[in-house]
């Protein structure tokens, strides 16, 4: 979580100034962390929600799910 804190450091996106696959993967990784009972800080949950609310993220996650199911 410390590394993620340094990566995001109050920024809207993980890399650059727009949504990238890195943001989608970070949000999805936070989901895994929660499923393994890691405590995810509120700032990361807010970031995750903001990513999951985006249509592009929803589309990318549906593609990922189709590959892994």
PDB file of N, CA and C in Angstrom:
ATOM      1  N   UNK A   1       0.820  -1.181   0.000  1.00  0.00           N
ATOM      2  CA  UNK A   1       0.000   0.000   0.000  1.00  0.00           C
ATOM      3  C   UNK A   1       0.874   1.259   0.000  1.00  0.00           C
ATOM      4  N   UNK A   2       2.050   1.157   0.626  1.00  0.00           N
ATOM      5  CA  UNK A   2       2.944   2.322   0.637  1.00  0.00           C
ATOM      6  C   UNK A   2       3.382   2.693  -0.771  1.00  0.00           C
ATOM      7  N   UNK A   3       3.721   1.673  -1.572  1.00  0.00           N
ATOM      8  CA  UNK A   3       4.153   1.937  -2.947  1.00  0.00           C
ATOM      9  C   UNK A   3       3.034   2.589  -3.746  1.00  0.00           C
ATOM     10  N   UNK A   4       1.810   2.122  -3.545  1.00  0.00           N
ATOM     11  CA  UNK A   4       0.676   2.709  -4.250  1.00  0.00           C
ATOM     12  C   UNK A   4       0.459   4.152  -3.802  1.00  0.00           C
ATOM     13  N   UNK A   5       0.634   4.401  -2.528  1.00  0.00           N
ATOM     14  CA  UNK A   5       0.523   5.765  -2.023  1.00  0.00           C
ATOM     15  C   UNK A   5       1.516   6.700  -2.690  1.00  0.00           C
ATOM     16  N   UNK A   6       2.740   6.218  -2.901  1.00  0.00           N
ATOM     17  CA  UNK A   6       3.753   7.027  -3.580  1.00  0.00           C
ATOM     18  C   UNK A   6       3.402   7.215  -5.047  1.00  0.00           C
ATOM     19  N   UNK A   7       2.848   6.173  -5.665  1.00  0.00           N
ATOM     20  CA  UNK A   7       2.482   6.254  -7.083  1.00  0.00           C
ATOM     21  C   UNK A   7       1.361   7.269  -7.294  1.00  0.00           C
ATOM     22  N   UNK A   8       0.310   7.155  -6.506  1.00  0.00           N
ATOM     23  CA  UNK A   8      -0.844   8.043  -6.686  1.00  0.00           C
ATOM     24  C   UNK A   8      -0.577   9.434  -6.116  1.00  0.00           C
ATOM     25  N   UNK A   9      -0.083   9.486  -4.893  1.00  0.00           N
ATOM     26  CA  UNK A   9       0.320  10.744  -4.256  1.00  0.00           C
ATOM     27  C   UNK A   9      -0.653  11.893  -4.535  1.00  0.00           C
ATOM     28  N   UNK A  10      -1.955  11.618  -4.358  1.00  0.00           N
ATOM     29  CA  UNK A  10      -2.971  12.647  -4.541  1.00  0.00           C
ATOM     30  C   UNK A  10      -3.367  12.913  -5.979  1.00  0.00           C
ATOM     31  N   UNK A  11      -2.778  12.178  -6.924  1.00  0.00           N
ATOM     32  CA  UNK A  11      -3.090  12.388  -8.335  1.00  0.00           C
ATOM     33  C   UNK A  11      -4.390  11.674  -8.703  1.00  0.00           C
ATOM     34  N   UNK A  12      -4.997  12.123  -9.782  1.00  0.00           N
ATOM     35  CA  UNK A  12      -6.228  11.493 -10.255  1.00  0.00           C
ATOM     36  C   UNK A  12      -5.938  10.172 -10.962  1.00  0.00           C
ATOM     37  N   UNK A  13      -4.801  10.096 -11.645  1.00  0.00           N
ATOM     38  CA  UNK A  13      -4.446   8.904 -12.420  1.00  0.00           C
ATOM     39  C   UNK A  13      -3.071   8.384 -12.008  1.00  0.00           C
ATOM     40  N   UNK A  14      -2.872   7.096 -12.198  1.00  0.00           N
ATOM     41  CA  UNK A  14      -1.599   6.477 -11.818  1.00  0.00           C
ATOM     42  C   UNK A  14      -0.456   6.948 -12.709  1.00  0.00           C
ATOM     43  N   UNK A  15      -0.745   7.101 -14.006  1.00  0.00           N
ATOM     44  CA  UNK A  15       0.284   7.479 -14.973  1.00  0.00           C
ATOM     45  C   UNK A  15      -0.271   8.576 -15.877  1.00  0.00           C
ATOM     46  N   UNK A  16       0.389   9.689 -15.946  1.00  0.00           N
ATOM     47  CA  UNK A  16      -0.032  10.747 -16.861  1.00  0.00           C
ATOM     48  C   UNK A  16      -1.263  11.502 -16.390  1.00  0.00           C
ATOM     49  N   UNK A  17      -1.930  12.113 -17.364  1.00  0.00           N
ATOM     50  CA  UNK A  17      -3.062  12.978 -17.041  1.00  0.00           C
ATOM     51  C   UNK A  17      -4.384  12.472 -17.605  1.00  0.00           C
ATOM     52  N   UNK A  18      -4.424  11.162 -17.890  1.00  0.00           N
ATOM     53  CA  UNK A  18      -5.680  10.566 -18.358  1.00  0.00           C
ATOM     54  C   UNK A  18      -5.728   9.101 -17.960  1.00  0.00           C
ATOM     55  N   UNK A  19      -6.909   8.528 -18.069  1.00  0.00           N
ATOM     56  CA  UNK A  19      -7.116   7.127 -17.727  1.00  0.00           C
ATOM     57  C   UNK A  19      -6.281   6.233 -18.637  1.00  0.00           C
ATOM     58  N   UNK A  20      -5.564   5.291 -18.027  1.00  0.00           N
ATOM     59  CA  UNK A  20      -4.809   4.302 -18.795  1.00  0.00           C
ATOM     60  C   UNK A  20      -5.111   2.920 -18.224  1.00  0.00           C
ATOM     61  N   UNK A  21      -4.615   1.914 -18.905  1.00  0.00           N
ATOM     62  CA  UNK A  21      -4.790   0.544 -18.427  1.00  0.00           C
ATOM     63  C   UNK A  21      -4.169   0.378 -17.042  1.00  0.00           C
ATOM     64  N   UNK A  22      -3.150   1.156 -16.744  1.00  0.00           N
ATOM     65  CA  UNK A  22      -2.535   1.089 -15.411  1.00  0.00           C
ATOM     66  C   UNK A  22      -3.565   1.396 -14.327  1.00  0.00           C
ATOM     67  N   UNK A  23      -4.421   2.381 -14.555  1.00  0.00           N
ATOM     68  CA  UNK A  23      -5.454   2.727 -13.572  1.00  0.00           C
ATOM     69  C   UNK A  23      -6.444   1.588 -13.389  1.00  0.00           C
ATOM     70  N   UNK A  24      -6.822   0.978 -14.482  1.00  0.00           N
ATOM     71  CA  UNK A  24      -7.777  -0.130 -14.424  1.00  0.00           C
ATOM     72  C   UNK A  24      -7.173  -1.301 -13.661  1.00  0.00           C
ATOM     73  N   UNK A  25      -5.912  -1.593 -13.929  1.00  0.00           N
ATOM     74  CA  UNK A  25      -5.250  -2.700 -13.236  1.00  0.00           C
ATOM     75  C   UNK A  25      -5.025  -2.392 -11.756  1.00  0.00           C
ATOM     76  N   UNK A  26      -4.708  -1.147 -11.432  1.00  0.00           N
ATOM     77  CA  UNK A  26      -4.556  -0.773 -10.021  1.00  0.00           C
ATOM     78  C   UNK A  26      -5.888  -0.945  -9.300  1.00  0.00           C
ATOM     79  N   UNK A  27      -6.973  -0.471  -9.908  1.00  0.00           N
ATOM     80  CA  UNK A  27      -8.299  -0.602  -9.289  1.00  0.00           C
ATOM     81  C   UNK A  27      -8.654  -2.067  -9.086  1.00  0.00           C
ATOM     82  N   UNK A  28      -8.359  -2.882 -10.079  1.00  0.00           N
ATOM     83  CA  UNK A  28      -8.668  -4.310  -9.990  1.00  0.00           C
ATOM     84  C   UNK A  28      -7.800  -4.993  -8.926  1.00  0.00           C
ATOM     85  N   UNK A  29      -6.554  -4.588  -8.830  1.00  0.00           N
ATOM     86  CA  UNK A  29      -5.659  -5.137  -7.812  1.00  0.00           C
ATOM     87  C   UNK A  29      -6.144  -4.771  -6.411  1.00  0.00           C
ATOM     88  N   UNK A  30      -6.683  -3.577  -6.253  1.00  0.00           N
ATOM     89  CA  UNK A  30      -7.261  -3.199  -4.959  1.00  0.00           C
ATOM     90  C   UNK A  30      -8.442  -4.096  -4.618  1.00  0.00           C
ATOM     91  N   UNK A  31      -9.197  -4.483  -5.623  1.00  0.00           N
ATOM     92  CA  UNK A  31     -10.303  -5.414  -5.416  1.00  0.00           C
ATOM     93  C   UNK A  31      -9.775  -6.749  -4.897  1.00  0.00           C
ATOM     94  N   UNK A  32      -8.695  -7.238  -5.483  1.00  0.00           N
ATOM     95  CA  UNK A  32      -8.077  -8.483  -5.010  1.00  0.00           C
ATOM     96  C   UNK A  32      -7.613  -8.321  -3.570  1.00  0.00           C
ATOM     97  N   UNK A  33      -6.969  -7.194  -3.283  1.00  0.00           N
ATOM     98  CA  UNK A  33      -6.475  -6.955  -1.920  1.00  0.00           C
ATOM     99  C   UNK A  33      -7.617  -7.044  -0.914  1.00  0.00           C
ATOM    100  N   UNK A  34      -8.747  -6.435  -1.247  1.00  0.00           N
ATOM    101  CA  UNK A  34      -9.904  -6.497  -0.351  1.00  0.00           C
ATOM    102  C   UNK A  34     -10.400  -7.932  -0.192  1.00  0.00           C
ATOM    103  N   UNK A  35     -10.385  -8.704  -1.276  1.00  0.00           N
ATOM    104  CA  UNK A  35     -10.868 -10.085  -1.192  1.00  0.00           C
ATOM    105  C   UNK A  35      -9.950 -10.958  -0.335  1.00  0.00           C
ATOM    106  N   UNK A  36      -8.682 -10.560  -0.202  1.00  0.00           N
ATOM    107  CA  UNK A  36      -7.741 -11.282   0.657  1.00  0.00           C
ATOM    108  C   UNK A  36      -7.612 -10.626   2.035  1.00  0.00           C
ATOM    109  N   UNK A  37      -8.600  -9.792   2.360  1.00  0.00           N
ATOM    110  CA  UNK A  37      -8.731  -9.164   3.676  1.00  0.00           C
ATOM    111  C   UNK A  37      -7.625  -8.161   4.017  1.00  0.00           C
ATOM    112  N   UNK A  38      -6.978  -7.592   3.007  1.00  0.00           N
ATOM    113  CA  UNK A  38      -6.058  -6.491   3.265  1.00  0.00           C
ATOM    114  C   UNK A  38      -6.887  -5.252   3.574  1.00  0.00           C
ATOM    115  N   UNK A  39      -6.405  -4.445   4.477  1.00  0.00           N
ATOM    116  CA  UNK A  39      -7.088  -3.191   4.780  1.00  0.00           C
ATOM    117  C   UNK A  39      -6.709  -2.164   3.716  1.00  0.00           C
ATOM    118  N   UNK A  40      -7.700  -1.738   2.951  1.00  0.00           N
ATOM    119  CA  UNK A  40      -7.478  -0.761   1.887  1.00  0.00           C
ATOM    120  C   UNK A  40      -7.911   0.610   2.411  1.00  0.00           C
ATOM    121  N   UNK A  41      -6.976   1.559   2.478  1.00  0.00           N
ATOM    122  CA  UNK A  41      -7.312   2.887   2.991  1.00  0.00           C
ATOM    123  C   UNK A  41      -8.415   3.564   2.172  1.00  0.00           C
ATOM    124  N   UNK A  42      -9.149   4.446   2.817  1.00  0.00           N
ATOM    125  CA  UNK A  42     -10.278   5.134   2.179  1.00  0.00           C
ATOM    126  C   UNK A  42      -9.860   5.863   0.905  1.00  0.00           C
ATOM    127  N   UNK A  43      -8.685   6.483   0.899  1.00  0.00           N
ATOM    128  CA  UNK A  43      -8.258   7.216  -0.296  1.00  0.00           C
ATOM    129  C   UNK A  43      -8.117   6.279  -1.496  1.00  0.00           C
ATOM    130  N   UNK A  44      -7.692   5.037  -1.261  1.00  0.00           N
ATOM    131  CA  UNK A  44      -7.563   4.080  -2.359  1.00  0.00           C
ATOM    132  C   UNK A  44      -8.922   3.533  -2.770  1.00  0.00           C
ATOM    133  N   UNK A  45      -9.814   3.354  -1.797  1.00  0.00           N
ATOM    134  CA  UNK A  45     -11.176   2.915  -2.132  1.00  0.00           C
ATOM    135  C   UNK A  45     -11.882   3.981  -2.964  1.00  0.00           C
ATOM    136  N   UNK A  46     -11.653   5.246  -2.643  1.00  0.00           N
ATOM    137  CA  UNK A  46     -12.230   6.336  -3.434  1.00  0.00           C
ATOM    138  C   UNK A  46     -11.668   6.334  -4.852  1.00  0.00           C
ATOM    139  N   UNK A  47     -10.361   6.124  -4.972  1.00  0.00           N
ATOM    140  CA  UNK A  47      -9.719   6.026  -6.289  1.00  0.00           C
ATOM    141  C   UNK A  47     -10.325   4.857  -7.065  1.00  0.00           C
ATOM    142  N   UNK A  48     -10.439   3.714  -6.399  1.00  0.00           N
ATOM    143  CA  UNK A  48     -10.999   2.516  -7.029  1.00  0.00           C
ATOM    144  C   UNK A  48     -12.421   2.784  -7.524  1.00  0.00           C
ATOM    145  N   UNK A  49     -13.244   3.390  -6.702  1.00  0.00           N
ATOM    146  CA  UNK A  49     -14.625   3.690  -7.092  1.00  0.00           C
ATOM    147  C   UNK A  49     -14.656   4.636  -8.279  1.00  0.00           C
ATOM    148  N   UNK A  50     -13.798   5.649  -8.265  1.00  0.00           N
ATOM    149  CA  UNK A  50     -13.790   6.596  -9.382  1.00  0.00           C
ATOM    150  C   UNK A  50     -13.386   5.910 -10.681  1.00  0.00           C
ATOM    151  N   UNK A  51     -12.520   4.899 -10.593  1.00  0.00           N
ATOM    152  CA  UNK A  51     -12.152   4.144 -11.796  1.00  0.00           C
ATOM    153  C   UNK A  51     -13.305   3.241 -12.237  1.00  0.00           C
ATOM    154  N   UNK A  52     -13.894   2.522 -11.285  1.00  0.00           N
ATOM    155  CA  UNK A  52     -14.985   1.598 -11.617  1.00  0.00           C
ATOM    156  C   UNK A  52     -16.223   2.318 -12.136  1.00  0.00           C
ATOM    157  N   UNK A  53     -16.386   3.581 -11.825  1.00  0.00           N
ATOM    158  CA  UNK A  53     -17.534   4.347 -12.311  1.00  0.00           C
ATOM    159  C   UNK A  53     -17.382   4.784 -13.767  1.00  0.00           C
ATOM    160  N   UNK A  54     -16.191   4.679 -14.310  1.00  0.00           N
ATOM    161  CA  UNK A  54     -15.933   5.135 -15.681  1.00  0.00           C
ATOM    162  C   UNK A  54     -16.361   4.075 -16.696  1.00  0.00           C
ATOM    163  N   UNK A  55     -17.062   4.482 -17.754  1.00  0.00           N
ATOM    164  CA  UNK A  55     -17.485   3.528 -18.788  1.00  0.00           C
ATOM    165  C   UNK A  55     -16.310   2.761 -19.405  1.00  0.00           C
ATOM    166  N   UNK A  56     -15.185   3.430 -19.623  1.00  0.00           N
ATOM    167  CA  UNK A  56     -14.027   2.753 -20.216  1.00  0.00           C
ATOM    168  C   UNK A  56     -13.504   1.651 -19.302  1.00  0.00           C
ATOM    169  N   UNK A  57     -13.530   1.896 -18.013  1.00  0.00           N
ATOM    170  CA  UNK A  57     -13.080   0.892 -17.051  1.00  0.00           C
ATOM    171  C   UNK A  57     -14.040  -0.289 -17.033  1.00  0.00           C
ATOM    172  N   UNK A  58     -15.329  -0.006 -17.041  1.00  0.00           N
ATOM    173  CA  UNK A  58     -16.322  -1.082 -17.063  1.00  0.00           C
ATOM    174  C   UNK A  58     -16.122  -1.967 -18.286  1.00  0.00           C
ATOM    175  N   UNK A  59     -15.869  -1.348 -19.428  1.00  0.00           N
ATOM    176  CA  UNK A  59     -15.654  -2.110 -20.662  1.00  0.00           C
ATOM    177  C   UNK A  59     -14.379  -2.957 -20.569  1.00  0.00           C
ATOM    178  N   UNK A  60     -13.303  -2.358 -20.086  1.00  0.00           N
ATOM    179  CA  UNK A  60     -12.038  -3.092 -19.970  1.00  0.00           C
ATOM    180  C   UNK A  60     -12.165  -4.256 -18.999  1.00  0.00           C
ATOM    181  N   UNK A  61     -12.849  -4.051 -17.890  1.00  0.00           N
ATOM    182  CA  UNK A  61     -13.020  -5.129 -16.915  1.00  0.00           C
ATOM    183  C   UNK A  61     -13.865  -6.260 -17.479  1.00  0.00           C
ATOM    184  N   UNK A  62     -14.844  -5.938 -18.302  1.00  0.00           N
ATOM    185  CA  UNK A  62     -15.649  -7.005 -18.904  1.00  0.00           C
ATOM    186  C   UNK A  62     -14.804  -7.826 -19.868  1.00  0.00           C
ATOM    187  N   UNK A  63     -13.879  -7.178 -20.561  1.00  0.00           N
ATOM    188  CA  UNK A  63     -12.967  -7.911 -21.446  1.00  0.00           C
ATOM    189  C   UNK A  63     -12.046  -8.799 -20.619  1.00  0.00           C
ATOM    190  N   UNK A  64     -11.483  -8.251 -19.539  1.00  0.00           N
ATOM    191  CA  UNK A  64     -10.612  -9.050 -18.675  1.00  0.00           C
ATOM    192  C   UNK A  64     -11.354 -10.249 -18.099  1.00  0.00           C
ATOM    193  N   UNK A  65     -12.580 -10.040 -17.657  1.00  0.00           N
ATOM    194  CA  UNK A  65     -13.362 -11.138 -17.092  1.00  0.00           C
ATOM    195  C   UNK A  65     -13.627 -12.219 -18.126  1.00  0.00           C
ATOM    196  N   UNK A  66     -13.875 -11.827 -19.369  1.00  0.00           N
ATOM    197  CA  UNK A  66     -14.137 -12.827 -20.408  1.00  0.00           C
ATOM    198  C   UNK A  66     -12.892 -13.657 -20.703  1.00  0.00           C
ATOM    199  N   UNK A  67     -11.730 -13.071 -20.525  1.00  0.00           N
ATOM    200  CA  UNK A  67     -10.478 -13.797 -20.761  1.00  0.00           C
ATOM    201  C   UNK A  67     -10.198 -14.778 -19.628  1.00  0.00           C
ATOM    202  N   UNK A  68     -10.500 -14.377 -18.397  1.00  0.00           N
ATOM    203  CA  UNK A  68     -10.129 -15.174 -17.234  1.00  0.00           C
ATOM    204  C   UNK A  68     -11.242 -16.048 -16.679  1.00  0.00           C
ATOM    205  N   UNK A  69     -12.381 -16.109 -17.351  1.00  0.00           N
ATOM    206  CA  UNK A  69     -13.451 -16.990 -16.872  1.00  0.00           C
ATOM    207  C   UNK A  69     -13.750 -18.068 -17.876  1.00  0.00           C
TER     208      UNK A  69
END
